[in-house]
Amino acid sequence: MPMATQDGPADWDFQSMATSTAEPTSLRTDVPHLARIYDYWLEGKTNYPADRAVAEKMIETVPEIREGVLANRAFLRNAVQFLAADRGIRQFLDIGTGIPAADNTHEVAQRVAGDARVFYVDNDPIVLAHARALLAGTPEGKTAYLDGDVRDPVHILTKAASTLDFTQPVALMLVAVLHAIPDEDDPHAAVAVLREALAPGSYLVLSHLGLDVYPELAHLAKGVEQVNTAAPGTLFPRTRDEIEDFFDGWEMVEPGLVPVPTWRATSDRISSMWAGVGRKP
């Protein structure tokens, strides 16, 4: 199967909702980028010296960072598996997709149900360049990709309607994305718009960086500052109460809003992210 490479996507047709009128963005490999830094922590290959320098500096300051992002990836996998296998969800709206890695949403969902539909959204040109890897789903299922931003939920919903049936339950995936949105852009309002568009029985899957997950890890704040110095305006941690507000209008699924490694799993990993799943009544 053709796959994307560091230099660009494989040369084959794929279904993408990316708008051809969008202004092209240069893939600056000499400037550190959060998606590629995260990819390095996940032991991926889509990263460059500028990214690795910041990632390694963060590891020096916060040695737990790599196991934390691995725990977050496991949360995504566990949540999709739970919703597809135990709750019968067959539609997923994954916003803030990130660079493809092991166990992408469609791979997990379609292992349970080959007819599952997944609509991916990201505003990162690096992710767009690798989108073909996200779109190789099962023949009976469907995957699509939109060059879009969670801060424009109406645009996302309009385009996603070509793939997803919003009269039926949908799992809204907001995994490790909202901590990249500052308060002045009102991410809580964006989540509320998305919630109102979803049918009863839909789910919200969310994880978010929080400096209060393990207060004893005081060095995490320094690590966040380092990342924001190297790549300004990148990380906006929130408190547990602020993150819990994203679940307004949702009924929390047990065990509630908990540290990522402890969501319906027993793990010795440490992750400074809160995670939870909510159901729309």
Protein backbone atom coordinates (compact mmCIF):
# COMPACT_ATOMS: atom_id res chain seq x y z
CA MET A 1 0.00 0.00 0.00
CA PRO A 2 1.50 3.40 -0.93
CA MET A 3 2.24 5.54 2.10
CA ALA A 4 3.20 9.15 2.72
CA THR A 5 6.85 10.03 3.15
CA GLN A 6 8.71 12.91 4.79
CA ASP A 7 8.95 14.67 1.44
CA GLY A 8 5.25 14.45 0.66
CA PRO A 9 2.32 12.13 0.08
CA ALA A 10 2.37 9.09 -2.14
CA ASP A 11 1.13 9.68 -5.67
CA TRP A 12 -2.29 8.09 -5.71
CA ASP A 13 -5.88 9.22 -5.61
CA PHE A 14 -7.61 9.73 -2.28
CA GLN A 15 -10.74 11.38 -0.98
CA SER A 16 -9.99 14.72 0.60
CA MET A 17 -12.29 17.59 1.48
CA ALA A 18 -9.36 20.02 1.62
CA THR A 19 -10.33 23.17 -0.23
CA SER A 20 -8.32 23.82 -3.37
CA THR A 21 -8.70 27.57 -2.79
CA ALA A 22 -6.81 27.46 0.49
CA GLU A 23 -3.66 29.56 0.50
CA PRO A 24 -0.63 27.25 0.29
CA THR A 25 1.52 27.07 3.40
CA SER A 26 5.21 26.34 3.28
CA LEU A 27 6.34 23.28 5.19
CA ARG A 28 9.13 24.99 7.12
CA THR A 29 11.38 22.21 8.37
CA ASP A 30 13.82 24.67 9.96
CA VAL A 31 11.20 25.88 12.46
CA PRO A 32 10.04 23.55 15.27
CA HIS A 33 6.44 22.44 14.93
CA LEU A 34 4.23 20.87 17.60
CA ALA A 35 2.88 18.08 15.37
CA ARG A 36 6.41 16.98 14.47
CA ILE A 37 7.64 17.35 18.05
CA TYR A 38 4.77 15.12 19.16
CA ASP A 39 5.62 12.71 16.34
CA TYR A 40 9.18 12.47 17.66
CA TRP A 41 7.94 11.66 21.16
CA LEU A 42 5.80 8.92 19.56
CA GLU A 43 8.96 7.58 17.91
CA GLY A 44 7.66 8.55 14.48
CA LYS A 45 9.72 9.52 11.46
CA THR A 46 8.05 12.77 10.36
CA ASN A 47 10.30 15.16 12.25
CA TYR A 48 13.39 17.23 11.57
CA PRO A 49 16.43 18.54 13.52
CA ALA A 50 14.61 21.68 14.70
CA ASP A 51 11.78 19.55 16.07
CA ARG A 52 14.09 17.02 17.66
CA ALA A 53 16.10 19.73 19.41
CA VAL A 54 12.98 21.06 21.16
CA ALA A 55 11.67 17.56 21.86
CA GLU A 56 14.93 16.46 23.45
CA LYS A 57 15.15 19.65 25.52
CA MET A 58 11.64 18.93 26.80
CA ILE A 59 12.67 15.37 27.65
CA GLU A 60 15.59 16.72 29.67
CA THR A 61 13.22 18.95 31.64
CA VAL A 62 10.26 16.54 31.78
CA PRO A 63 11.60 12.97 31.54
CA GLU A 64 8.02 11.65 31.72
CA ILE A 65 6.91 13.39 28.52
CA ARG A 66 7.42 10.47 26.16
CA GLU A 67 5.50 7.98 28.27
CA GLY A 68 2.83 10.63 28.67
CA VAL A 69 2.18 10.99 24.93
CA LEU A 70 2.27 7.21 24.55
CA ALA A 71 -0.39 6.97 27.29
CA ASN A 72 -2.48 9.55 25.45
CA ARG A 73 -2.26 7.50 22.27
CA ALA A 74 -3.37 4.46 24.22
CA PHE A 75 -6.35 6.46 25.53
CA LEU A 76 -7.43 7.23 21.96
CA ARG A 77 -7.18 3.55 21.07
CA ASN A 78 -9.03 2.40 24.18
CA ALA A 79 -11.80 4.97 23.79
CA VAL A 80 -12.44 4.17 20.12
CA GLN A 81 -12.40 0.45 20.87
CA PHE A 82 -14.86 0.96 23.74
CA LEU A 83 -17.25 3.08 21.69
CA ALA A 84 -17.17 0.85 18.62
CA ALA A 85 -17.32 -2.50 20.44
CA ASP A 86 -19.35 -1.72 23.57
CA ARG A 87 -21.51 1.23 22.55
CA GLY A 88 -22.09 0.42 18.87
CA ILE A 89 -20.76 3.72 17.52
CA ARG A 90 -20.09 3.60 13.77
CA GLN A 91 -19.28 7.26 13.05
CA PHE A 92 -16.29 9.27 14.26
CA LEU A 93 -15.47 12.96 13.81
CA ASP A 94 -11.77 13.27 14.67
CA ILE A 95 -10.65 16.91 14.98
CA GLY A 96 -6.97 17.67 15.47
CA THR A 97 -5.92 14.45 13.85
CA GLY A 98 -2.16 14.90 13.97
CA ILE A 99 0.46 13.11 11.91
CA PRO A 100 -0.60 9.50 11.23
CA ALA A 101 0.77 7.00 13.74
CA ALA A 102 -0.08 3.49 14.87
CA ASP A 103 -3.76 2.83 15.61
CA ASN A 104 -5.36 5.83 13.96
CA THR A 105 -9.07 6.24 14.70
CA HIS A 106 -10.28 4.55 11.51
CA GLU A 107 -7.94 1.58 12.02
CA VAL A 108 -9.24 0.87 15.51
CA ALA A 109 -12.89 1.48 14.65
CA GLN A 110 -12.83 -0.53 11.44
CA ARG A 111 -11.17 -3.49 13.13
CA VAL A 112 -14.34 -3.69 15.21
CA ALA A 113 -16.77 -2.73 12.44
CA GLY A 114 -15.59 -2.60 8.86
CA ASP A 115 -18.40 -0.21 7.91
CA ALA A 116 -17.37 2.49 10.41
CA ARG A 117 -17.06 5.98 8.96
CA VAL A 118 -14.37 8.42 10.05
CA PHE A 119 -14.04 12.09 9.14
CA TYR A 120 -10.66 13.60 10.00
CA VAL A 121 -10.02 17.33 10.47
CA ASP A 122 -6.73 19.19 10.91
CA ASN A 123 -5.46 22.62 9.92
CA ASP A 124 -1.82 21.58 9.80
CA PRO A 125 -0.23 21.47 6.31
CA ILE A 126 2.11 18.76 7.58
CA VAL A 127 -0.82 16.53 8.45
CA LEU A 128 -2.45 17.35 5.11
CA ALA A 129 0.69 16.19 3.33
CA HIS A 130 0.30 12.82 5.04
CA ALA A 131 -3.47 12.56 4.84
CA ARG A 132 -3.43 9.68 2.38
CA ALA A 133 -2.26 7.39 5.17
CA LEU A 134 -5.42 8.33 7.08
CA LEU A 135 -7.70 7.53 4.19
CA ALA A 136 -6.81 3.91 3.52
CA GLY A 137 -9.82 2.42 5.24
CA THR A 138 -11.83 -0.74 4.64
CA PRO A 139 -13.77 -1.08 1.36
CA GLU A 140 -17.11 -1.09 3.17
CA GLY A 141 -16.22 1.81 5.46
CA LYS A 142 -15.43 5.40 4.55
CA THR A 143 -12.77 7.90 5.54
CA ALA A 144 -12.36 11.53 4.50
CA TYR A 145 -10.09 14.41 5.47
CA LEU A 146 -10.78 18.14 5.79
CA ASP A 147 -8.29 20.97 6.02
CA GLY A 148 -10.18 22.71 8.81
CA ASP A 149 -9.94 24.19 12.29
CA VAL A 150 -11.89 23.42 15.47
CA ARG A 151 -12.38 27.19 15.83
CA ASP A 152 -14.67 27.05 12.80
CA PRO A 153 -17.09 24.29 13.84
CA VAL A 154 -19.83 25.29 11.38
CA HIS A 155 -17.47 24.77 8.44
CA ILE A 156 -16.46 21.38 9.84
CA LEU A 157 -20.05 20.26 10.32
CA THR A 158 -21.06 21.40 6.83
CA LYS A 159 -18.26 19.46 5.14
CA ALA A 160 -18.48 16.40 7.42
CA ALA A 161 -22.13 15.92 6.43
CA SER A 162 -20.88 14.45 3.15
CA THR A 163 -19.46 11.48 5.10
CA LEU A 164 -21.34 11.35 8.41
CA ASP A 165 -25.08 11.12 9.10
CA PHE A 166 -25.72 13.62 11.87
CA THR A 167 -29.17 12.19 12.55
CA GLN A 168 -27.31 9.19 14.02
CA PRO A 169 -24.82 9.09 16.94
CA VAL A 170 -21.29 10.30 16.28
CA ALA A 171 -18.17 10.11 18.43
CA LEU A 172 -16.54 13.55 18.56
CA MET A 173 -12.79 13.04 19.06
CA LEU A 174 -10.92 15.99 20.60
CA VAL A 175 -7.77 14.21 21.74
CA ALA A 176 -4.85 16.46 22.74
CA VAL A 177 -6.06 19.34 20.57
CA LEU A 178 -7.85 21.92 22.73
CA HIS A 179 -4.72 22.75 24.72
CA ALA A 180 -3.43 24.26 21.46
CA ILE A 181 -6.32 26.80 21.45
CA PRO A 182 -6.01 29.95 23.59
CA ASP A 183 -8.88 31.18 25.75
CA GLU A 184 -9.42 34.24 23.55
CA ASP A 185 -10.48 31.90 20.73
CA ASP A 186 -13.16 30.44 23.05
CA PRO A 187 -12.69 26.69 22.55
CA HIS A 188 -15.58 26.01 24.97
CA ALA A 189 -17.97 27.76 22.58
CA ALA A 190 -16.67 25.71 19.65
CA VAL A 191 -17.25 22.46 21.52
CA ALA A 192 -20.78 23.62 22.42
CA VAL A 193 -21.59 24.25 18.74
CA LEU A 194 -20.36 20.77 17.84
CA ARG A 195 -22.35 19.22 20.69
CA GLU A 196 -25.59 20.86 19.60
CA ALA A 197 -25.20 19.47 16.08
CA LEU A 198 -24.83 15.86 17.24
CA ALA A 199 -27.67 13.41 17.76
CA PRO A 200 -28.57 12.08 21.23
CA GLY A 201 -26.43 9.06 22.00
CA SER A 202 -23.32 10.74 20.57
CA TYR A 203 -20.07 10.82 22.56
CA LEU A 204 -17.27 13.26 23.30
CA VAL A 205 -13.76 11.82 23.67
CA LEU A 206 -11.38 14.43 25.07
CA SER A 207 -7.90 14.67 26.52
CA HIS A 208 -6.19 17.90 27.55
CA LEU A 209 -2.91 19.00 29.09
CA GLY A 210 -3.20 20.07 32.74
CA LEU A 211 -0.52 21.21 35.13
CA ASP A 212 -2.65 20.02 38.07
CA VAL A 213 -2.83 16.33 37.07
CA TYR A 214 0.28 15.61 39.14
CA PRO A 215 1.04 18.83 41.08
CA GLU A 216 4.29 17.30 42.27
CA LEU A 217 5.60 17.47 38.69
CA ALA A 218 6.45 21.15 39.03
CA HIS A 219 9.03 20.86 36.26
CA LEU A 220 6.22 20.39 33.69
CA ALA A 221 5.47 24.13 33.77
CA LYS A 222 9.08 24.83 32.85
CA GLY A 223 8.84 22.35 29.99
CA VAL A 224 5.69 24.02 28.66
CA GLU A 225 7.49 27.37 28.84
CA GLN A 226 10.38 25.92 26.85
CA VAL A 227 8.07 24.69 24.10
CA ASN A 228 6.24 28.01 23.95
CA THR A 229 9.55 29.87 23.73
CA ALA A 230 10.71 27.74 20.81
CA ALA A 231 7.29 27.67 19.12
CA PRO A 232 5.27 30.65 20.46
CA GLY A 233 1.59 30.18 21.22
CA THR A 234 1.73 26.40 21.16
CA LEU A 235 0.49 25.10 24.53
CA PHE A 236 -2.27 26.39 26.80
CA PRO A 237 -2.68 24.03 29.78
CA ARG A 238 -5.93 24.25 31.74
CA THR A 239 -7.07 23.16 35.18
CA ARG A 240 -9.25 20.13 35.75
CA ASP A 241 -12.27 22.38 36.41
CA GLU A 242 -11.71 24.28 33.16
CA ILE A 243 -11.39 21.03 31.24
CA GLU A 244 -14.48 19.60 32.92
CA ASP A 245 -16.42 22.57 31.52
CA PHE A 246 -15.95 21.10 28.04
CA PHE A 247 -18.29 18.32 29.17
CA ASP A 248 -21.20 20.66 29.89
CA GLY A 249 -24.26 19.04 28.32
CA TRP A 250 -22.65 15.58 28.33
CA GLU A 251 -23.11 12.76 30.83
CA MET A 252 -19.70 11.51 31.94
CA VAL A 253 -18.92 7.85 31.33
CA GLU A 254 -17.20 6.07 34.21
CA PRO A 255 -14.59 6.66 35.54
CA GLY A 256 -15.16 10.35 34.73
CA LEU A 257 -12.41 12.89 34.10
CA VAL A 258 -9.20 11.20 35.22
CA PRO A 259 -5.48 11.14 34.38
CA VAL A 260 -5.04 9.67 30.91
CA PRO A 261 -3.37 6.40 31.98
CA THR A 262 -6.20 5.53 34.37
CA TRP A 263 -9.15 5.84 31.96
CA ARG A 264 -10.67 2.34 31.90
CA ALA A 265 -7.18 0.89 32.10
CA THR A 266 -4.53 0.13 34.68
CA SER A 267 -1.19 1.65 33.77
CA ASP A 268 1.98 2.69 35.55
CA ARG A 269 2.61 5.45 33.02
CA ILE A 270 2.57 9.09 34.04
CA SER A 271 0.81 11.62 31.83
CA SER A 272 -0.01 15.23 32.62
CA MET A 273 -3.25 15.07 30.68
CA TRP A 274 -6.81 14.76 31.87
CA ALA A 275 -9.04 12.44 29.86
CA GLY A 276 -12.71 11.60 29.76
CA VAL A 277 -15.63 10.43 27.64
CA GLY A 278 -19.10 11.90 27.80
CA ARG A 279 -22.45 10.87 26.29
CA LYS A 280 -25.03 13.27 24.93
CA PRO A 281 -28.39 12.42 26.53
